[in-house]
N, C-alpha and C. Protein backbone atom coordinates (compact mmCIF):
# COMPACT_ATOMS: atom_id res chain seq x y z
N UNK A 1 59.72 80.09 87.23
CA UNK A 1 59.43 81.56 86.84
C UNK A 1 59.44 81.69 85.14
N UNK A 2 58.60 82.44 84.85
CA UNK A 2 58.47 82.86 83.30
C UNK A 2 58.42 84.48 82.96
N UNK A 3 58.62 84.89 82.06
CA UNK A 3 58.95 86.22 81.89
C UNK A 3 57.84 86.51 81.02
N UNK A 4 56.91 87.78 81.31
CA UNK A 4 56.16 87.90 80.13
C UNK A 4 56.53 88.98 79.17
N UNK A 5 56.98 88.54 78.07
CA UNK A 5 57.66 88.98 77.25
C UNK A 5 56.57 90.14 76.87
N UNK A 6 55.61 90.27 76.60
CA UNK A 6 54.96 91.53 75.94
C UNK A 6 55.17 92.81 77.22
N UNK A 7 55.18 92.18 78.54
CA UNK A 7 55.39 93.85 79.40
C UNK A 7 57.19 94.19 78.99
N UNK A 8 57.82 92.58 78.99
CA UNK A 8 59.33 92.84 78.61
C UNK A 8 59.80 94.07 77.64
N UNK A 9 59.04 93.84 76.32
CA UNK A 9 58.94 94.51 75.12
C UNK A 9 58.65 95.79 75.14
N UNK A 10 57.55 95.78 76.10
CA UNK A 10 57.25 97.93 76.81
C UNK A 10 58.19 98.43 77.41
N UNK A 11 59.29 97.76 78.35
CA UNK A 11 60.18 98.24 78.99
C UNK A 11 61.24 98.36 78.30
N UNK A 12 61.34 97.19 76.88
CA UNK A 12 62.86 98.04 76.31
C UNK A 12 62.38 98.96 74.91
N UNK A 13 61.19 99.38 75.02
CA UNK A 13 60.75 100.39 74.12
C UNK A 13 60.85 101.64 75.06
N UNK A 14 60.70 101.52 76.27
CA UNK A 14 60.92 102.82 77.04
C UNK A 14 62.32 103.02 76.83
N UNK A 15 63.28 102.15 77.38
CA UNK A 15 64.43 102.03 77.11
C UNK A 15 65.06 103.34 75.58
N UNK A 16 64.57 102.36 74.31
CA UNK A 16 64.91 102.60 73.41
C UNK A 16 64.56 104.04 73.15
N UNK A 17 63.08 104.69 74.16
CA UNK A 17 62.94 106.56 73.80
C UNK A 17 63.62 107.19 74.47
N UNK A 18 64.67 106.16 76.11
CA UNK A 18 65.27 107.02 76.68
C UNK A 18 66.59 107.11 76.05
N UNK A 19 67.08 106.92 75.51
CA UNK A 19 68.51 106.49 74.97
C UNK A 19 69.06 107.91 74.27
N UNK A 20 68.25 108.28 73.30
CA UNK A 20 68.28 109.15 72.73
C UNK A 20 68.52 110.38 73.13
N UNK A 21 67.70 110.15 74.24
CA UNK A 21 66.85 111.52 75.23
C UNK A 21 68.29 112.12 76.28
N UNK A 22 68.91 111.32 76.59
CA UNK A 22 70.23 111.09 77.50
C UNK A 22 71.55 112.12 76.77
N UNK A 23 71.21 111.97 75.29
CA UNK A 23 72.26 112.84 74.33
C UNK A 23 71.85 113.81 74.01
N UNK A 24 70.40 113.89 73.74
CA UNK A 24 69.44 115.36 73.04
C UNK A 24 69.29 115.91 74.14
N UNK A 25 69.67 116.03 75.68
CA UNK A 25 69.10 116.88 76.17
C UNK A 25 70.25 118.03 76.84
N UNK A 26 71.18 117.30 77.37
CA UNK A 26 72.61 117.72 77.31
C UNK A 26 73.10 118.99 76.23
N UNK A 27 72.88 118.14 75.25
CA UNK A 27 73.20 118.82 73.81
C UNK A 27 72.64 120.23 73.29
N UNK A 28 71.40 120.01 74.09
CA UNK A 28 70.37 120.92 74.01
C UNK A 28 70.82 122.26 75.14
N UNK A 29 70.86 122.04 76.33
CA UNK A 29 71.55 122.39 77.37
C UNK A 29 72.59 123.72 77.10
N UNK A 30 73.57 122.83 76.56
CA UNK A 30 75.20 123.31 75.87
C UNK A 30 74.88 124.33 74.94
N UNK A 31 73.90 124.24 74.25
CA UNK A 31 73.69 125.19 73.31
C UNK A 31 73.10 126.29 73.56
N UNK A 32 72.31 126.33 74.51
CA UNK A 32 71.64 127.43 75.52
C UNK A 32 72.47 127.81 75.83
N UNK A 33 73.38 127.46 76.74
CA UNK A 33 74.46 128.43 77.31
C UNK A 33 75.38 128.71 76.57
N UNK A 34 75.86 128.28 75.38
CA UNK A 34 76.55 128.96 74.09
C UNK A 34 76.30 130.14 73.94
N UNK A 35 74.47 130.24 73.71
CA UNK A 35 73.81 131.26 72.99
C UNK A 35 73.14 131.88 73.82
N UNK A 36 73.72 132.68 74.69
CA UNK A 36 73.24 133.76 76.01
C UNK A 36 72.53 134.90 75.58
N UNK A 37 73.00 135.35 74.56
CA UNK A 37 73.02 136.62 73.50
C UNK A 37 71.95 136.67 73.09
N UNK A 38 71.15 135.29 73.01
CA UNK A 38 69.62 134.96 72.17
C UNK A 38 68.60 135.03 72.64
N UNK A 39 67.57 135.77 72.45
CA UNK A 39 65.99 135.93 72.88
C UNK A 39 65.50 134.58 73.83
N UNK A 40 65.82 133.85 73.03
CA UNK A 40 65.26 132.39 73.36
C UNK A 40 66.46 131.46 73.96
N UNK A 41 66.69 132.15 74.65
CA UNK A 41 67.88 131.28 76.01
C UNK A 41 67.43 130.64 76.89
N UNK A 42 66.40 131.46 77.37
CA UNK A 42 65.71 130.76 78.53
C UNK A 42 64.54 129.50 78.12
N UNK A 43 63.80 129.74 76.34
CA UNK A 43 62.94 128.55 76.34
C UNK A 43 63.49 127.43 76.06
N UNK A 44 65.25 127.43 75.23
CA UNK A 44 65.95 126.42 75.04
C UNK A 44 66.32 125.51 76.24
N UNK A 45 66.62 126.20 77.16
CA UNK A 45 67.44 125.86 78.33
C UNK A 45 66.23 125.02 78.79
N UNK A 46 65.19 125.49 79.09
CA UNK A 46 64.15 124.54 79.43
C UNK A 46 63.46 123.64 78.61
N UNK A 47 63.71 123.45 77.52
CA UNK A 47 63.60 122.53 76.71
C UNK A 47 64.41 121.44 76.85
N UNK A 48 65.89 122.35 77.48
CA UNK A 48 67.23 120.79 77.67
C UNK A 48 67.14 119.75 78.90
N UNK A 49 66.08 121.20 79.99
CA UNK A 49 66.16 120.26 81.08
C UNK A 49 65.01 119.55 80.58
N UNK A 50 63.84 119.42 80.68
CA UNK A 50 62.85 118.67 80.11
C UNK A 50 63.26 117.39 79.90
N UNK A 51 63.94 117.68 79.03
CA UNK A 51 64.28 116.30 77.99
C UNK A 51 65.03 115.45 78.59
N UNK A 52 65.78 115.91 79.24
CA UNK A 52 66.94 115.48 80.45
C UNK A 52 66.22 114.78 81.20
N UNK A 53 65.31 115.43 82.17
CA UNK A 53 64.30 114.48 83.16
C UNK A 53 63.50 113.49 82.57
N UNK A 54 63.14 114.11 81.68
CA UNK A 54 61.80 113.06 80.84
C UNK A 54 62.94 111.63 80.54
N UNK A 55 63.95 111.64 80.04
CA UNK A 55 65.03 110.80 79.50
C UNK A 55 65.36 109.82 81.36
N UNK A 56 65.54 110.44 82.22
CA UNK A 56 65.33 110.06 83.14
C UNK A 56 64.35 108.83 84.10
N UNK A 57 63.05 110.32 83.70
CA UNK A 57 61.90 109.11 84.10
C UNK A 57 61.36 107.88 83.05
N UNK A 58 61.63 108.30 81.94
CA UNK A 58 61.91 106.53 81.08
C UNK A 58 63.05 105.93 81.54
N UNK A 59 63.49 105.83 81.82
CA UNK A 59 65.03 104.79 82.49
C UNK A 59 64.22 104.19 83.75
N UNK A 60 63.57 105.06 85.09
CA UNK A 60 63.00 104.42 85.62
C UNK A 60 61.81 103.47 85.44
N UNK A 61 60.90 104.08 84.77
CA UNK A 61 59.88 103.46 83.97
C UNK A 61 60.27 102.32 83.53
N UNK A 62 61.11 102.21 82.06
CA UNK A 62 61.91 101.03 81.93
C UNK A 62 61.93 99.68 83.06
N UNK A 63 62.87 100.60 84.08
CA UNK A 63 63.59 99.26 84.76
C UNK A 63 62.05 98.90 85.52
N UNK A 64 61.61 99.73 86.43
CA UNK A 64 60.26 99.24 86.61
C UNK A 64 59.41 97.87 85.97
N UNK A 65 59.14 98.32 84.78
CA UNK A 65 58.50 97.54 83.60
C UNK A 65 58.98 96.23 83.43
N UNK A 66 60.22 95.92 83.44
CA UNK A 66 61.08 95.71 82.96
C UNK A 66 61.39 94.56 84.45
N UNK A 67 61.36 94.99 85.59
CA UNK A 67 60.99 93.95 86.48
C UNK A 67 60.30 93.40 87.06
N UNK A 68 58.78 94.59 86.79
CA UNK A 68 57.42 93.42 86.99
C UNK A 68 57.19 92.53 86.30
N UNK A 69 58.40 92.24 84.39
CA UNK A 69 58.13 91.50 83.87
C UNK A 69 58.53 90.21 84.00
N UNK A 70 59.52 90.04 84.18
CA UNK A 70 60.52 89.52 84.96
C UNK A 70 60.08 88.47 86.41
N UNK A 71 59.83 89.71 87.05
CA UNK A 71 59.05 88.76 88.35
C UNK A 71 57.72 88.86 88.64
N UNK A 72 56.72 89.01 88.09
CA UNK A 72 55.27 89.31 88.54
C UNK A 72 54.90 88.58 86.89
N UNK A 73 55.56 87.55 86.23
CA UNK A 73 55.26 87.09 85.08
C UNK A 73 54.29 85.49 85.43
N UNK A 74 53.74 85.25 86.38
CA UNK A 74 53.30 84.36 87.04
C UNK A 74 51.67 84.62 87.22
N UNK A 75 51.70 86.16 87.48
CA UNK A 75 49.97 86.30 87.79
C UNK A 75 49.14 86.87 86.89
């Protein structure tokens, strides 16, 4: 059972992009709730929610890619 290194590095890149989003997304959401008096409240909240969902999406995609590199490497 060999590992496809190109696909493995692709999965690691996805994780590298997801990790900062795990901190940026909740920070933006917190900032939106603190500044409710601002007219941009809903826009900032939407950006924070999108960043958080994108972090989760990238994590699942990274895990799928890493598992593919580990177990489908012989094809």
